[in-house]
Amino acid sequence: MKMILANDIGNDKFKILEPGMEKVTKIPSAYKWLLKKPSVHETDVNKNVVNLLDQLLVNITSNAIETSGLYMVGERAIQSAEDVENMDIDMAEKHTDDLPVINTLAYVAARAVQKEFKAVGELPTKLEVEVFMSSAIPASQHTFETAKHLEDRFLKESHVVIVYVGDKQVTVELNFSGVKVTKEGIPALYSVFEGSEDMFEQYLEEYEDVSSDELVEQFEGRKIMHVDIGSGTTEYTFTVGPNPRPDVCTGERNGVGHAIEEAIETMAQERNGLSINRQQFAKYIERPDEYPKDHQLAVKHLKIARKRQVKKILSDIKRKYVKTLSSEPEIICVYGGGSIEFKTDMYKGLKEFADSVDAKLLWIPEKYAVDMNVTGLDILNESILFEEEYPEVELV
């Protein structure tokens, strides 16, 4: 079996696209190391295969991680807050952290099991998978050496993953034949170039001198400052046409995750006994019907915390635009998960700044904002990185 993966390693969620996928798969960036297998409560094979990505239990043998062993991964790992590992947004670097490798290996192995089951109608005992993958790490962490370090962790040796499907198991051998790690923000540029018209709806409303027929011309060859507001970092990438300027691409440890951690801390002072991680807090925000007791409290504390993050990010944008980029960018383009959370507090101030420096502001709408990097990676996979392999991979 051969698989191609666009893998955006987020601090809160992995966002993944395979050839032909219409919807991005999102896996919480978390895992839990176990000493023994948990009890099996569902033995229906069809149900277990369908729900495999939400119930990920794997045993990983790989020299790419510090500890081979048994892991709950993603959604299953965050069902409890105890002993759950997620990305340290203050200190961790993605190229050395084990989480990107553990979660990626678990996902690929589980998807291989799902694809094989769909094709033949029964669980195999063993599978061999050849993998081609693109990914990205923050501009603040990206160098030739750090990118190669992460690439080599996948490429140098085979990885064996036992995937538990209820009371059954499948052994999957993963061999990565091609891995490319680029800088966060660069893939998103390709999403802009190939974006549908509704991506630019607010932009067209703000700038009456631009017509929808001229959208492609608006961005081809232009100098663009990208502001990718994530969970753990906000990335500032400068591109001229399709080309990045690596020397002035930077990142800061600001974002939604920092606001959430502050909100968790202040919320815990108000509600005794609260012990949750970032992913669980996000569920309080995203699922009010499921968590009615905590939703309003979480919203209140996050509203206060996010204003502090917005102030820092706005200050960074202005400083980097003027000092780092010498006021060159013609367009400031904002996206990422944080652009959704922070837009209410941030849009007006940034628009006023853009107007004052004779630049245009493109704020990517919520529908596309979170997936700009993974969509761009998928475009790169098909058109540049793994163009020859694409015809050989079965579309999802």
Foldseek 3Di string as FASTA:
>chain_A
DEWEWEWEDAQAWIWIDTFQDPDTDIFGLKKAFDPDDDAFDDDDQVVLLVCCRLFWWKFKDAPLDDDTGIMTTGNNQQPDAPRMDTDPLVDDFVLNDCSVVVRVVSVVVSVVQSVVCVVPVDGDQEEEYEYAYEYEGALARDDPVSFVSSVCSQAVDKMWMWTDRRPGIHIYIYHYPHYGYYHPPLLLLVCQLPPDLVQCVVLCVVDVVDDSVCSNVVQAQFWEWEWAAEQQKTWTWTDGGSRTDSVLTHMDRFHLNQLQVQLQVVLCVVPPPDDHHSNVLVCLCVPCPVPVPCNVSSVVSSVVSVLVRLVVVLVVVLCCCCPVVVVRGQEYEYAAPRCVVCVVVHVVVVCVVCVVSNHGYRYGDPVCRHCSNSVSSVVCCCPPRVVVCVVVDDRD
